[in-house]
């Protein structure tokens, strides 16, 4: 009996982008897979707004960084012959913002690139990844890169 391609069931990927090499590499992986299966791909940059500020506060420097990150992922997508829809959100909690965006998009998989992070001698995946693993109804793909992962 022929095996069914499990990737064919993924119609939409949501990639969390923070400007790190790990997130850029995660975008490249998702682009390769999306091109292969003709899936849709979206990138998300989240600005966490402290409770001391209004949610719609003008965080110009953060918005500029988000725009630069989205421009970089659009170039990665173009290099892989796919189109990516990028979005910047301001939220109190990045994990909840990612979950809400995934739901709104109808995403089948959330992709997060992780840098190797080992504070105090113990490996940590970070608050965002932990939140997504605990609460996302979609598939969550964590791609952890080595300490000196090459940039895309």
C-alpha atoms as a PDB file:
ATOM      1  CA  UNK A   1       0.000   0.000   0.000  1.00  0.00           C
ATOM      2  CA  UNK A   2       1.454   3.428  -0.916  1.00  0.00           C
ATOM      3  CA  UNK A   3       2.328   5.656   2.027  1.00  0.00           C
ATOM      4  CA  UNK A   4       0.463   8.925   2.345  1.00  0.00           C
ATOM      5  CA  UNK A   5       2.610  12.061   2.549  1.00  0.00           C
ATOM      6  CA  UNK A   6       1.944  13.568   6.017  1.00  0.00           C
ATOM      7  CA  UNK A   7       3.011  16.992   4.749  1.00  0.00           C
ATOM      8  CA  UNK A   8       0.171  17.023   2.218  1.00  0.00           C
ATOM      9  CA  UNK A   9      -2.258  17.577   5.098  1.00  0.00           C
ATOM     10  CA  UNK A  10      -0.548  20.860   6.002  1.00  0.00           C
ATOM     11  CA  UNK A  11      -2.150  23.597   3.957  1.00  0.00           C
ATOM     12  CA  UNK A  12      -0.902  26.589   5.964  1.00  0.00           C
ATOM     13  CA  UNK A  13       2.330  27.140   7.902  1.00  0.00           C
ATOM     14  CA  UNK A  14       2.715  29.960  10.418  1.00  0.00           C
ATOM     15  CA  UNK A  15       6.366  30.772  11.127  1.00  0.00           C
ATOM     16  CA  UNK A  16       7.236  32.877  14.154  1.00  0.00           C
ATOM     17  CA  UNK A  17       9.954  35.356  13.156  1.00  0.00           C
ATOM     18  CA  UNK A  18      12.137  37.288  15.569  1.00  0.00           C
ATOM     19  CA  UNK A  19      15.082  38.260  13.374  1.00  0.00           C
ATOM     20  CA  UNK A  20      17.410  35.565  14.670  1.00  0.00           C
ATOM     21  CA  UNK A  21      19.353  33.224  12.401  1.00  0.00           C
ATOM     22  CA  UNK A  22      17.302  30.363  13.841  1.00  0.00           C
ATOM     23  CA  UNK A  23      14.007  31.967  12.810  1.00  0.00           C
ATOM     24  CA  UNK A  24      15.388  32.786   9.343  1.00  0.00           C
ATOM     25  CA  UNK A  25      16.416  29.156   8.935  1.00  0.00           C
ATOM     26  CA  UNK A  26      12.957  28.041  10.106  1.00  0.00           C
ATOM     27  CA  UNK A  27      11.423  30.267   7.407  1.00  0.00           C
ATOM     28  CA  UNK A  28      13.666  28.620   4.804  1.00  0.00           C
ATOM     29  CA  UNK A  29      12.601  25.122   5.931  1.00  0.00           C
ATOM     30  CA  UNK A  30       8.920  26.070   5.886  1.00  0.00           C
ATOM     31  CA  UNK A  31       9.333  27.653   2.434  1.00  0.00           C
ATOM     32  CA  UNK A  32      10.901  24.487   1.037  1.00  0.00           C
ATOM     33  CA  UNK A  33       8.057  22.383   2.414  1.00  0.00           C
ATOM     34  CA  UNK A  34       5.362  24.838   1.337  1.00  0.00           C
ATOM     35  CA  UNK A  35       6.747  24.936  -2.209  1.00  0.00           C
ATOM     36  CA  UNK A  36       6.780  21.149  -2.378  1.00  0.00           C
ATOM     37  CA  UNK A  37       3.158  20.781  -1.302  1.00  0.00           C
ATOM     38  CA  UNK A  38       1.786  24.116  -2.612  1.00  0.00           C
ATOM     39  CA  UNK A  39       0.910  25.182   0.929  1.00  0.00           C
ATOM     40  CA  UNK A  40       0.402  28.731   2.143  1.00  0.00           C
ATOM     41  CA  UNK A  41       3.026  30.289   4.411  1.00  0.00           C
ATOM     42  CA  UNK A  42       2.702  33.212   6.811  1.00  0.00           C
ATOM     43  CA  UNK A  43       5.315  34.923   8.969  1.00  0.00           C
ATOM     44  CA  UNK A  44       4.565  36.637  12.259  1.00  0.00           C
ATOM     45  CA  UNK A  45       6.621  39.156  14.235  1.00  0.00           C
ATOM     46  CA  UNK A  46       5.208  39.874  17.697  1.00  0.00           C
ATOM     47  CA  UNK A  47       6.000  42.948  19.749  1.00  0.00           C
ATOM     48  CA  UNK A  48       5.297  42.295  23.418  1.00  0.00           C
ATOM     49  CA  UNK A  49       3.916  45.477  24.978  1.00  0.00           C
ATOM     50  CA  UNK A  50       4.574  45.952  28.707  1.00  0.00           C
ATOM     51  CA  UNK A  51       1.500  46.419  30.892  1.00  0.00           C
ATOM     52  CA  UNK A  52       2.773  49.874  31.805  1.00  0.00           C
ATOM     53  CA  UNK A  53       1.968  51.013  28.255  1.00  0.00           C
ATOM     54  CA  UNK A  54      -1.274  50.986  26.306  1.00  0.00           C
ATOM     55  CA  UNK A  55      -1.555  48.045  23.932  1.00  0.00           C
ATOM     56  CA  UNK A  56      -1.559  50.373  20.917  1.00  0.00           C
ATOM     57  CA  UNK A  57       1.479  52.351  22.136  1.00  0.00           C
ATOM     58  CA  UNK A  58       3.733  53.778  19.423  1.00  0.00           C
ATOM     59  CA  UNK A  59       6.782  51.534  19.683  1.00  0.00           C
ATOM     60  CA  UNK A  60       8.557  52.969  16.660  1.00  0.00           C
ATOM     61  CA  UNK A  61      11.899  51.172  17.130  1.00  0.00           C
ATOM     62  CA  UNK A  62      10.184  47.807  17.560  1.00  0.00           C
ATOM     63  CA  UNK A  63       8.009  48.439  14.505  1.00  0.00           C
ATOM     64  CA  UNK A  64      11.086  49.316  12.447  1.00  0.00           C
ATOM     65  CA  UNK A  65      12.765  46.090  13.556  1.00  0.00           C
ATOM     66  CA  UNK A  66       9.609  44.153  12.684  1.00  0.00           C
ATOM     67  CA  UNK A  67       9.522  45.706   9.221  1.00  0.00           C
ATOM     68  CA  UNK A  68      13.169  44.774   8.687  1.00  0.00           C
ATOM     69  CA  UNK A  69      12.484  41.189   9.806  1.00  0.00           C
ATOM     70  CA  UNK A  70       9.498  40.928   7.453  1.00  0.00           C
ATOM     71  CA  UNK A  71      11.571  42.287   4.562  1.00  0.00           C
ATOM     72  CA  UNK A  72      14.233  39.665   5.293  1.00  0.00           C
ATOM     73  CA  UNK A  73      11.744  36.778   5.365  1.00  0.00           C
ATOM     74  CA  UNK A  74      10.145  38.010   2.151  1.00  0.00           C
ATOM     75  CA  UNK A  75      13.583  37.788   0.543  1.00  0.00           C
ATOM     76  CA  UNK A  76      14.098  34.271   1.928  1.00  0.00           C
ATOM     77  CA  UNK A  77      10.713  33.252   0.507  1.00  0.00           C
ATOM     78  CA  UNK A  78      11.548  34.816  -2.869  1.00  0.00           C
ATOM     79  CA  UNK A  79      14.834  32.880  -2.901  1.00  0.00           C
ATOM     80  CA  UNK A  80      12.766  29.698  -2.421  1.00  0.00           C
ATOM     81  CA  UNK A  81      10.219  30.671  -5.106  1.00  0.00           C
ATOM     82  CA  UNK A  82       7.302  31.034  -2.692  1.00  0.00           C
ATOM     83  CA  UNK A  83       5.264  33.930  -1.398  1.00  0.00           C
ATOM     84  CA  UNK A  84       5.023  34.662   2.308  1.00  0.00           C
ATOM     85  CA  UNK A  85       2.472  36.867   4.023  1.00  0.00           C
ATOM     86  CA  UNK A  86       4.115  38.787   6.862  1.00  0.00           C
ATOM     87  CA  UNK A  87       2.381  40.462   9.754  1.00  0.00           C
ATOM     88  CA  UNK A  88       3.398  42.440  12.838  1.00  0.00           C
ATOM     89  CA  UNK A  89       1.261  42.245  15.975  1.00  0.00           C
ATOM     90  CA  UNK A  90       1.487  44.108  19.257  1.00  0.00           C
ATOM     91  CA  UNK A  91       0.328  41.998  22.184  1.00  0.00           C
ATOM     92  CA  UNK A  92       0.759  41.550  25.905  1.00  0.00           C
ATOM     93  CA  UNK A  93       1.799  37.908  25.501  1.00  0.00           C
ATOM     94  CA  UNK A  94       3.587  36.608  22.397  1.00  0.00           C
ATOM     95  CA  UNK A  95       2.360  33.039  22.876  1.00  0.00           C
ATOM     96  CA  UNK A  96      -1.291  34.037  22.927  1.00  0.00           C
ATOM     97  CA  UNK A  97      -0.793  36.311  19.912  1.00  0.00           C
ATOM     98  CA  UNK A  98       0.721  33.420  17.947  1.00  0.00           C
ATOM     99  CA  UNK A  99      -2.153  31.112  18.918  1.00  0.00           C
ATOM    100  CA  UNK A 100      -4.762  33.700  17.905  1.00  0.00           C
ATOM    101  CA  UNK A 101      -3.039  34.337  14.564  1.00  0.00           C
ATOM    102  CA  UNK A 102      -2.737  30.601  13.890  1.00  0.00           C
ATOM    103  CA  UNK A 103      -6.451  30.200  14.557  1.00  0.00           C
ATOM    104  CA  UNK A 104      -7.373  33.178  12.378  1.00  0.00           C
ATOM    105  CA  UNK A 105      -5.258  31.830   9.498  1.00  0.00           C
ATOM    106  CA  UNK A 106      -6.438  28.267   9.922  1.00  0.00           C
ATOM    107  CA  UNK A 107      -2.789  27.237  10.254  1.00  0.00           C
ATOM    108  CA  UNK A 108      -2.060  23.536  10.358  1.00  0.00           C
ATOM    109  CA  UNK A 109       1.486  23.931  11.706  1.00  0.00           C
ATOM    110  CA  UNK A 110       3.294  26.577  13.751  1.00  0.00           C
ATOM    111  CA  UNK A 111       7.041  26.631  13.090  1.00  0.00           C
ATOM    112  CA  UNK A 112       9.543  28.146  15.522  1.00  0.00           C
ATOM    113  CA  UNK A 113      13.311  28.289  15.078  1.00  0.00           C
ATOM    114  CA  UNK A 114      15.201  28.097  18.349  1.00  0.00           C
ATOM    115  CA  UNK A 115      18.737  29.188  19.025  1.00  0.00           C
ATOM    116  CA  UNK A 116      20.772  27.076  21.409  1.00  0.00           C
ATOM    117  CA  UNK A 117      20.155  28.710  24.784  1.00  0.00           C
ATOM    118  CA  UNK A 118      21.755  27.339  27.915  1.00  0.00           C
ATOM    119  CA  UNK A 119      21.632  29.787  30.834  1.00  0.00           C
ATOM    120  CA  UNK A 120      23.015  28.520  34.120  1.00  0.00           C
ATOM    121  CA  UNK A 121      24.205  25.298  32.454  1.00  0.00           C
ATOM    122  CA  UNK A 122      20.714  23.991  31.653  1.00  0.00           C
ATOM    123  CA  UNK A 123      19.112  24.000  28.194  1.00  0.00           C
ATOM    124  CA  UNK A 124      15.902  26.056  27.905  1.00  0.00           C
ATOM    125  CA  UNK A 125      13.443  26.280  25.036  1.00  0.00           C
ATOM    126  CA  UNK A 126      12.009  29.603  26.147  1.00  0.00           C
ATOM    127  CA  UNK A 127       8.614  30.860  27.243  1.00  0.00           C
ATOM    128  CA  UNK A 128       7.110  31.162  23.740  1.00  0.00           C
ATOM    129  CA  UNK A 129       7.964  27.620  22.671  1.00  0.00           C
ATOM    130  CA  UNK A 130       6.804  26.223  26.007  1.00  0.00           C
ATOM    131  CA  UNK A 131       3.486  28.068  25.722  1.00  0.00           C
ATOM    132  CA  UNK A 132       2.900  26.842  22.176  1.00  0.00           C
ATOM    133  CA  UNK A 133       3.713  23.236  23.085  1.00  0.00           C
ATOM    134  CA  UNK A 134       1.270  23.379  25.988  1.00  0.00           C
ATOM    135  CA  UNK A 135      -1.630  25.209  24.333  1.00  0.00           C
ATOM    136  CA  UNK A 136      -1.577  24.994  20.527  1.00  0.00           C
ATOM    137  CA  UNK A 137      -4.156  22.679  18.950  1.00  0.00           C
ATOM    138  CA  UNK A 138      -2.082  22.751  15.737  1.00  0.00           C
ATOM    139  CA  UNK A 139       1.159  20.928  15.113  1.00  0.00           C
ATOM    140  CA  UNK A 140       4.093  22.784  16.645  1.00  0.00           C
ATOM    141  CA  UNK A 141       7.479  22.333  15.010  1.00  0.00           C
ATOM    142  CA  UNK A 142      10.506  23.435  17.001  1.00  0.00           C
ATOM    143  CA  UNK A 143      13.708  23.520  15.004  1.00  0.00           C
ATOM    144  CA  UNK A 144      16.676  23.887  17.314  1.00  0.00           C
ATOM    145  CA  UNK A 145      19.908  24.931  15.705  1.00  0.00           C
ATOM    146  CA  UNK A 146      23.410  24.301  17.012  1.00  0.00           C
ATOM    147  CA  UNK A 147      25.404  27.000  18.749  1.00  0.00           C
ATOM    148  CA  UNK A 148      27.086  28.178  15.554  1.00  0.00           C
ATOM    149  CA  UNK A 149      24.342  27.513  12.989  1.00  0.00           C
ATOM    150  CA  UNK A 150      25.183  29.095   9.623  1.00  0.00           C
ATOM    151  CA  UNK A 151      22.937  31.939   8.476  1.00  0.00           C
ATOM    152  CA  UNK A 152      20.727  31.440   5.413  1.00  0.00           C
END
